[in-house]
């Protein structure tokens, strides 16, 4: 992996790369802080433990109507 590739990072996390491609991405991650940070954020965003449900009602106001699907 000569340059940054968001798709390859996703494939790595989804276990869709062969061994040689995995090693290329790992080698790239050793030298690229941006991609390491991207992997961290992707993994964090996929972790259900970090999910915070938003309340459906604000104090004293009804919840908004769902948008119509067309």
PDB file of N, CA and C in Angstrom:
ATOM      1  N   UNK A   1       0.857  -1.164   0.000  1.00  0.00           N
ATOM      2  CA  UNK A   1       0.000   0.000   0.000  1.00  0.00           C
ATOM      3  C   UNK A   1       0.905   1.229   0.000  1.00  0.00           C
ATOM      4  N   UNK A   2       0.997   1.878  -1.110  1.00  0.00           N
ATOM      5  CA  UNK A   2       1.927   2.999  -1.222  1.00  0.00           C
ATOM      6  C   UNK A   2       1.357   4.292  -0.672  1.00  0.00           C
ATOM      7  N   UNK A   3       0.049   4.448  -0.714  1.00  0.00           N
ATOM      8  CA  UNK A   3      -0.572   5.672  -0.208  1.00  0.00           C
ATOM      9  C   UNK A   3      -1.770   5.331   0.650  1.00  0.00           C
ATOM     10  N   UNK A   4      -2.400   6.370   1.170  1.00  0.00           N
ATOM     11  CA  UNK A   4      -3.570   6.172   2.021  1.00  0.00           C
ATOM     12  C   UNK A   4      -4.752   5.663   1.196  1.00  0.00           C
ATOM     13  N   UNK A   5      -5.459   4.681   1.742  1.00  0.00           N
ATOM     14  CA  UNK A   5      -6.632   4.120   1.073  1.00  0.00           C
ATOM     15  C   UNK A   5      -7.690   3.794   2.121  1.00  0.00           C
ATOM     16  N   UNK A   6      -8.713   4.639   2.174  1.00  0.00           N
ATOM     17  CA  UNK A   6      -9.795   4.427   3.132  1.00  0.00           C
ATOM     18  C   UNK A   6     -10.473   3.082   2.887  1.00  0.00           C
ATOM     19  N   UNK A   7     -10.639   2.727   1.618  1.00  0.00           N
ATOM     20  CA  UNK A   7     -11.272   1.433   1.290  1.00  0.00           C
ATOM     21  C   UNK A   7     -10.482   0.263   1.844  1.00  0.00           C
ATOM     22  N   UNK A   8      -9.152   0.323   1.742  1.00  0.00           N
ATOM     23  CA  UNK A   8      -8.342  -0.782   2.272  1.00  0.00           C
ATOM     24  C   UNK A   8      -8.426  -0.837   3.790  1.00  0.00           C
ATOM     25  N   UNK A   9      -8.528   0.318   4.437  1.00  0.00           N
ATOM     26  CA  UNK A   9      -8.690   0.309   5.892  1.00  0.00           C
ATOM     27  C   UNK A   9      -9.998  -0.369   6.276  1.00  0.00           C
ATOM     28  N   UNK A  10     -11.065  -0.049   5.553  1.00  0.00           N
ATOM     29  CA  UNK A  10     -12.353  -0.696   5.828  1.00  0.00           C
ATOM     30  C   UNK A  10     -12.283  -2.196   5.572  1.00  0.00           C
ATOM     31  N   UNK A  11     -11.655  -2.585   4.478  1.00  0.00           N
ATOM     32  CA  UNK A  11     -11.530  -4.018   4.172  1.00  0.00           C
ATOM     33  C   UNK A  11     -10.700  -4.736   5.226  1.00  0.00           C
ATOM     34  N   UNK A  12      -9.670  -4.063   5.737  1.00  0.00           N
ATOM     35  CA  UNK A  12      -8.870  -4.660   6.809  1.00  0.00           C
ATOM     36  C   UNK A  12      -9.742  -4.901   8.039  1.00  0.00           C
ATOM     37  N   UNK A  13     -10.512  -3.897   8.429  1.00  0.00           N
ATOM     38  CA  UNK A  13     -11.358  -4.028   9.613  1.00  0.00           C
ATOM     39  C   UNK A  13     -12.479  -5.042   9.409  1.00  0.00           C
ATOM     40  N   UNK A  14     -12.915  -5.211   8.168  1.00  0.00           N
ATOM     41  CA  UNK A  14     -13.972  -6.182   7.857  1.00  0.00           C
ATOM     42  C   UNK A  14     -13.404  -7.560   7.525  1.00  0.00           C
ATOM     43  N   UNK A  15     -12.088  -7.711   7.686  1.00  0.00           N
ATOM     44  CA  UNK A  15     -11.385  -8.980   7.439  1.00  0.00           C
ATOM     45  C   UNK A  15     -11.602  -9.484   6.017  1.00  0.00           C
ATOM     46  N   UNK A  16     -11.503  -8.569   5.054  1.00  0.00           N
ATOM     47  CA  UNK A  16     -11.713  -8.910   3.648  1.00  0.00           C
ATOM     48  C   UNK A  16     -10.430  -8.864   2.821  1.00  0.00           C
ATOM     49  N   UNK A  17      -9.273  -8.745   3.471  1.00  0.00           N
ATOM     50  CA  UNK A  17      -8.003  -8.682   2.744  1.00  0.00           C
ATOM     51  C   UNK A  17      -7.241  -9.993   2.892  1.00  0.00           C
ATOM     52  N   UNK A  18      -6.515 -10.352   1.832  1.00  0.00           N
ATOM     53  CA  UNK A  18      -5.643 -11.520   1.941  1.00  0.00           C
ATOM     54  C   UNK A  18      -4.436 -11.150   2.802  1.00  0.00           C
ATOM     55  N   UNK A  19      -3.633 -12.130   3.154  1.00  0.00           N
ATOM     56  CA  UNK A  19      -2.530 -11.922   4.085  1.00  0.00           C
ATOM     57  C   UNK A  19      -1.544 -10.878   3.579  1.00  0.00           C
ATOM     58  N   UNK A  20      -1.173 -10.938   2.299  1.00  0.00           N
ATOM     59  CA  UNK A  20      -0.216  -9.965   1.760  1.00  0.00           C
ATOM     60  C   UNK A  20      -0.766  -8.542   1.835  1.00  0.00           C
ATOM     61  N   UNK A  21      -2.033  -8.379   1.524  1.00  0.00           N
ATOM     62  CA  UNK A  21      -2.654  -7.047   1.595  1.00  0.00           C
ATOM     63  C   UNK A  21      -2.733  -6.557   3.032  1.00  0.00           C
ATOM     64  N   UNK A  22      -3.035  -7.464   3.955  1.00  0.00           N
ATOM     65  CA  UNK A  22      -3.061  -7.092   5.374  1.00  0.00           C
ATOM     66  C   UNK A  22      -1.692  -6.573   5.815  1.00  0.00           C
ATOM     67  N   UNK A  23      -0.655  -7.293   5.430  1.00  0.00           N
ATOM     68  CA  UNK A  23       0.700  -6.891   5.813  1.00  0.00           C
ATOM     69  C   UNK A  23       1.061  -5.539   5.214  1.00  0.00           C
ATOM     70  N   UNK A  24       0.646  -5.289   3.975  1.00  0.00           N
ATOM     71  CA  UNK A  24       0.887  -3.985   3.349  1.00  0.00           C
ATOM     72  C   UNK A  24       0.210  -2.865   4.135  1.00  0.00           C
ATOM     73  N   UNK A  25      -1.030  -3.101   4.535  1.00  0.00           N
ATOM     74  CA  UNK A  25      -1.767  -2.081   5.288  1.00  0.00           C
ATOM     75  C   UNK A  25      -1.129  -1.877   6.659  1.00  0.00           C
ATOM     76  N   UNK A  26      -0.749  -2.960   7.332  1.00  0.00           N
ATOM     77  CA  UNK A  26      -0.099  -2.828   8.640  1.00  0.00           C
ATOM     78  C   UNK A  26       1.211  -2.047   8.523  1.00  0.00           C
ATOM     79  N   UNK A  27       1.969  -2.317   7.462  1.00  0.00           N
ATOM     80  CA  UNK A  27       3.218  -1.581   7.235  1.00  0.00           C
ATOM     81  C   UNK A  27       2.918  -0.100   7.033  1.00  0.00           C
ATOM     82  N   UNK A  28       1.884   0.188   6.270  1.00  0.00           N
ATOM     83  CA  UNK A  28       1.497   1.581   6.048  1.00  0.00           C
ATOM     84  C   UNK A  28       1.081   2.240   7.361  1.00  0.00           C
ATOM     85  N   UNK A  29       0.318   1.528   8.185  1.00  0.00           N
ATOM     86  CA  UNK A  29      -0.137   2.079   9.465  1.00  0.00           C
ATOM     87  C   UNK A  29       1.029   2.406  10.398  1.00  0.00           C
ATOM     88  N   UNK A  30       2.130   1.660  10.266  1.00  0.00           N
ATOM     89  CA  UNK A  30       3.320   1.950  11.079  1.00  0.00           C
ATOM     90  C   UNK A  30       3.871   3.342  10.807  1.00  0.00           C
ATOM     91  N   UNK A  31       3.627   3.863   9.595  1.00  0.00           N
ATOM     92  CA  UNK A  31       4.238   5.120   9.180  1.00  0.00           C
ATOM     93  C   UNK A  31       3.239   6.250   8.969  1.00  0.00           C
ATOM     94  N   UNK A  32       1.947   5.977   9.083  1.00  0.00           N
ATOM     95  CA  UNK A  32       0.946   6.986   8.738  1.00  0.00           C
ATOM     96  C   UNK A  32       0.007   7.245   9.917  1.00  0.00           C
ATOM     97  N   UNK A  33       0.230   8.365  10.579  1.00  0.00           N
ATOM     98  CA  UNK A  33      -0.597   8.719  11.732  1.00  0.00           C
ATOM     99  C   UNK A  33      -2.051   8.981  11.332  1.00  0.00           C
ATOM    100  N   UNK A  34      -2.274   9.562  10.151  1.00  0.00           N
ATOM    101  CA  UNK A  34      -3.647   9.838   9.700  1.00  0.00           C
ATOM    102  C   UNK A  34      -4.461   8.560   9.569  1.00  0.00           C
ATOM    103  N   UNK A  35      -3.875   7.530   8.986  1.00  0.00           N
ATOM    104  CA  UNK A  35      -4.593   6.265   8.806  1.00  0.00           C
ATOM    105  C   UNK A  35      -4.794   5.550  10.142  1.00  0.00           C
ATOM    106  N   UNK A  36      -3.803   5.626  11.024  1.00  0.00           N
ATOM    107  CA  UNK A  36      -3.978   5.025  12.365  1.00  0.00           C
ATOM    108  C   UNK A  36      -5.140   5.697  13.077  1.00  0.00           C
ATOM    109  N   UNK A  37      -5.217   7.014  12.978  1.00  0.00           N
ATOM    110  CA  UNK A  37      -6.309   7.740  13.614  1.00  0.00           C
ATOM    111  C   UNK A  37      -7.651   7.378  12.964  1.00  0.00           C
ATOM    112  N   UNK A  38      -7.653   7.213  11.641  1.00  0.00           N
ATOM    113  CA  UNK A  38      -8.885   6.830  10.944  1.00  0.00           C
ATOM    114  C   UNK A  38      -9.357   5.460  11.417  1.00  0.00           C
ATOM    115  N   UNK A  39      -8.437   4.510  11.553  1.00  0.00           N
ATOM    116  CA  UNK A  39      -8.798   3.170  12.033  1.00  0.00           C
ATOM    117  C   UNK A  39      -9.384   3.255  13.439  1.00  0.00           C
ATOM    118  N   UNK A  40      -8.766   4.050  14.291  1.00  0.00           N
ATOM    119  CA  UNK A  40      -9.285   4.224  15.657  1.00  0.00           C
ATOM    120  C   UNK A  40     -10.718   4.748  15.623  1.00  0.00           C
ATOM    121  N   UNK A  41     -10.954   5.789  14.823  1.00  0.00           N
ATOM    122  CA  UNK A  41     -12.290   6.392  14.777  1.00  0.00           C
ATOM    123  C   UNK A  41     -13.324   5.448  14.173  1.00  0.00           C
ATOM    124  N   UNK A  42     -12.942   4.711  13.152  1.00  0.00           N
ATOM    125  CA  UNK A  42     -13.872   3.749  12.540  1.00  0.00           C
ATOM    126  C   UNK A  42     -14.241   2.678  13.557  1.00  0.00           C
ATOM    127  N   UNK A  43     -13.240   2.141  14.245  1.00  0.00           N
ATOM    128  CA  UNK A  43     -13.502   1.098  15.239  1.00  0.00           C
ATOM    129  C   UNK A  43     -14.363   1.640  16.371  1.00  0.00           C
ATOM    130  N   UNK A  44     -14.080   2.862  16.815  1.00  0.00           N
ATOM    131  CA  UNK A  44     -14.866   3.466  17.891  1.00  0.00           C
ATOM    132  C   UNK A  44     -16.312   3.677  17.453  1.00  0.00           C
ATOM    133  N   UNK A  45     -16.490   4.161  16.216  1.00  0.00           N
ATOM    134  CA  UNK A  45     -17.843   4.424  15.733  1.00  0.00           C
ATOM    135  C   UNK A  45     -18.647   3.149  15.527  1.00  0.00           C
ATOM    136  N   UNK A  46     -17.978   2.040  15.292  1.00  0.00           N
ATOM    137  CA  UNK A  46     -18.668   0.765  15.107  1.00  0.00           C
ATOM    138  C   UNK A  46     -18.948   0.054  16.420  1.00  0.00           C
ATOM    139  N   UNK A  47     -18.387   0.547  17.528  1.00  0.00           N
ATOM    140  CA  UNK A  47     -18.534  -0.098  18.827  1.00  0.00           C
ATOM    141  C   UNK A  47     -19.851   0.325  19.462  1.00  0.00           C
ATOM    142  N   UNK A  48     -20.744  -0.614  19.678  1.00  0.00           N
ATOM    143  CA  UNK A  48     -22.058  -0.319  20.251  1.00  0.00           C
ATOM    144  C   UNK A  48     -21.944   0.265  21.653  1.00  0.00           C
ATOM    145  N   UNK A  49     -20.853   0.003  22.336  1.00  0.00           N
ATOM    146  CA  UNK A  49     -20.663   0.538  23.674  1.00  0.00           C
ATOM    147  C   UNK A  49     -20.547   2.053  23.702  1.00  0.00           C
ATOM    148  N   UNK A  50     -20.188   2.649  22.574  1.00  0.00           N
ATOM    149  CA  UNK A  50     -20.072   4.106  22.499  1.00  0.00           C
ATOM    150  C   UNK A  50     -21.352   4.767  21.996  1.00  0.00           C
ATOM    151  N   UNK A  51     -22.346   3.969  21.622  1.00  0.00           N
ATOM    152  CA  UNK A  51     -23.586   4.508  21.096  1.00  0.00           C
ATOM    153  C   UNK A  51     -24.394   5.140  22.217  1.00  0.00           C
ATOM    154  N   UNK A  52     -24.845   6.354  21.998  1.00  0.00           N
ATOM    155  CA  UNK A  52     -25.682   7.047  22.972  1.00  0.00           C
ATOM    156  C   UNK A  52     -26.994   7.367  22.289  1.00  0.00           C
ATOM    157  N   UNK A  53     -28.055   6.803  22.811  1.00  0.00           N
ATOM    158  CA  UNK A  53     -29.371   7.039  22.217  1.00  0.00           C
ATOM    159  C   UNK A  53     -29.824   8.456  22.518  1.00  0.00           C
ATOM    160  N   UNK A  54     -30.387   9.117  21.528  1.00  0.00           N
ATOM    161  CA  UNK A  54     -30.927  10.463  21.707  1.00  0.00           C
ATOM    162  C   UNK A  54     -32.371  10.344  22.172  1.00  0.00           C
ATOM    163  N   UNK A  55     -32.778  11.195  23.102  1.00  0.00           N
ATOM    164  CA  UNK A  55     -34.174  11.139  23.547  1.00  0.00           C
ATOM    165  C   UNK A  55     -35.105  11.543  22.409  1.00  0.00           C
ATOM    166  N   UNK A  56     -36.271  10.948  22.368  1.00  0.00           N
ATOM    167  CA  UNK A  56     -37.221  11.250  21.300  1.00  0.00           C
ATOM    168  C   UNK A  56     -38.074  12.451  21.628  1.00  0.00           C
ATOM    169  N   UNK A  57     -38.085  12.870  22.885  1.00  0.00           N
ATOM    170  CA  UNK A  57     -38.892  14.028  23.283  1.00  0.00           C
ATOM    171  C   UNK A  57     -38.031  15.004  24.078  1.00  0.00           C
ATOM    172  N   UNK A  58     -38.180  16.269  23.765  1.00  0.00           N
ATOM    173  CA  UNK A  58     -37.578  17.306  24.591  1.00  0.00           C
ATOM    174  C   UNK A  58     -38.578  17.610  25.706  1.00  0.00           C
ATOM    175  N   UNK A  59     -38.127  18.176  26.774  1.00  0.00           N
ATOM    176  CA  UNK A  59     -39.020  18.460  27.912  1.00  0.00           C
ATOM    177  C   UNK A  59     -40.223  19.281  27.471  1.00  0.00           C
ATOM    178  N   UNK A  60     -41.413  18.734  27.708  1.00  0.00           N
ATOM    179  CA  UNK A  60     -42.639  19.459  27.464  1.00  0.00           C
ATOM    180  C   UNK A  60     -43.048  19.592  26.007  1.00  0.00           C
ATOM    181  N   UNK A  61     -42.268  19.020  25.080  1.00  0.00           N
ATOM    182  CA  UNK A  61     -42.622  19.129  23.664  1.00  0.00           C
ATOM    183  C   UNK A  61     -42.778  17.735  23.078  1.00  0.00           C
ATOM    184  N   UNK A  62     -43.761  17.560  22.198  1.00  0.00           N
ATOM    185  CA  UNK A  62     -43.934  16.239  21.582  1.00  0.00           C
ATOM    186  C   UNK A  62     -42.792  15.945  20.612  1.00  0.00           C
ATOM    187  N   UNK A  63     -42.565  14.677  20.402  1.00  0.00           N
ATOM    188  CA  UNK A  63     -41.545  14.258  19.439  1.00  0.00           C
ATOM    189  C   UNK A  63     -41.978  14.659  18.033  1.00  0.00           C
ATOM    190  N   UNK A  64     -41.030  15.016  17.168  1.00  0.00           N
ATOM    191  CA  UNK A  64     -41.404  15.388  15.799  1.00  0.00           C
ATOM    192  C   UNK A  64     -41.952  14.186  15.035  1.00  0.00           C
ATOM    193  N   UNK A  65     -42.810  14.480  14.094  1.00  0.00           N
ATOM    194  CA  UNK A  65     -43.363  13.428  13.248  1.00  0.00           C
ATOM    195  C   UNK A  65     -42.282  12.889  12.324  1.00  0.00           C
ATOM    196  N   UNK A  66     -42.261  11.574  12.091  1.00  0.00           N
ATOM    197  CA  UNK A  66     -41.257  11.024  11.165  1.00  0.00           C
ATOM    198  C   UNK A  66     -41.510  11.525   9.752  1.00  0.00           C
ATOM    199  N   UNK A  67     -40.436  11.664   8.997  1.00  0.00           N
ATOM    200  CA  UNK A  67     -40.546  12.129   7.620  1.00  0.00           C
ATOM    201  C   UNK A  67     -41.234  11.076   6.767  1.00  0.00           C
ATOM    202  N   UNK A  68     -42.031  11.533   5.822  1.00  0.00           N
ATOM    203  CA  UNK A  68     -42.722  10.614   4.922  1.00  0.00           C
ATOM    204  C   UNK A  68     -41.729  10.006   3.936  1.00  0.00           C
ATOM    205  N   UNK A  69     -41.852   8.725   3.705  1.00  0.00           N
ATOM    206  CA  UNK A  69     -40.995   8.028   2.743  1.00  0.00           C
ATOM    207  C   UNK A  69     -41.698   8.033   1.403  1.00  0.00           C
ATOM    208  N   UNK A  70     -40.997   8.529   0.394  1.00  0.00           N
ATOM    209  CA  UNK A  70     -41.610   8.581  -0.949  1.00  0.00           C
ATOM    210  C   UNK A  70     -40.916   7.654  -1.875  1.00  0.00           C
TER     211      UNK A  70
END
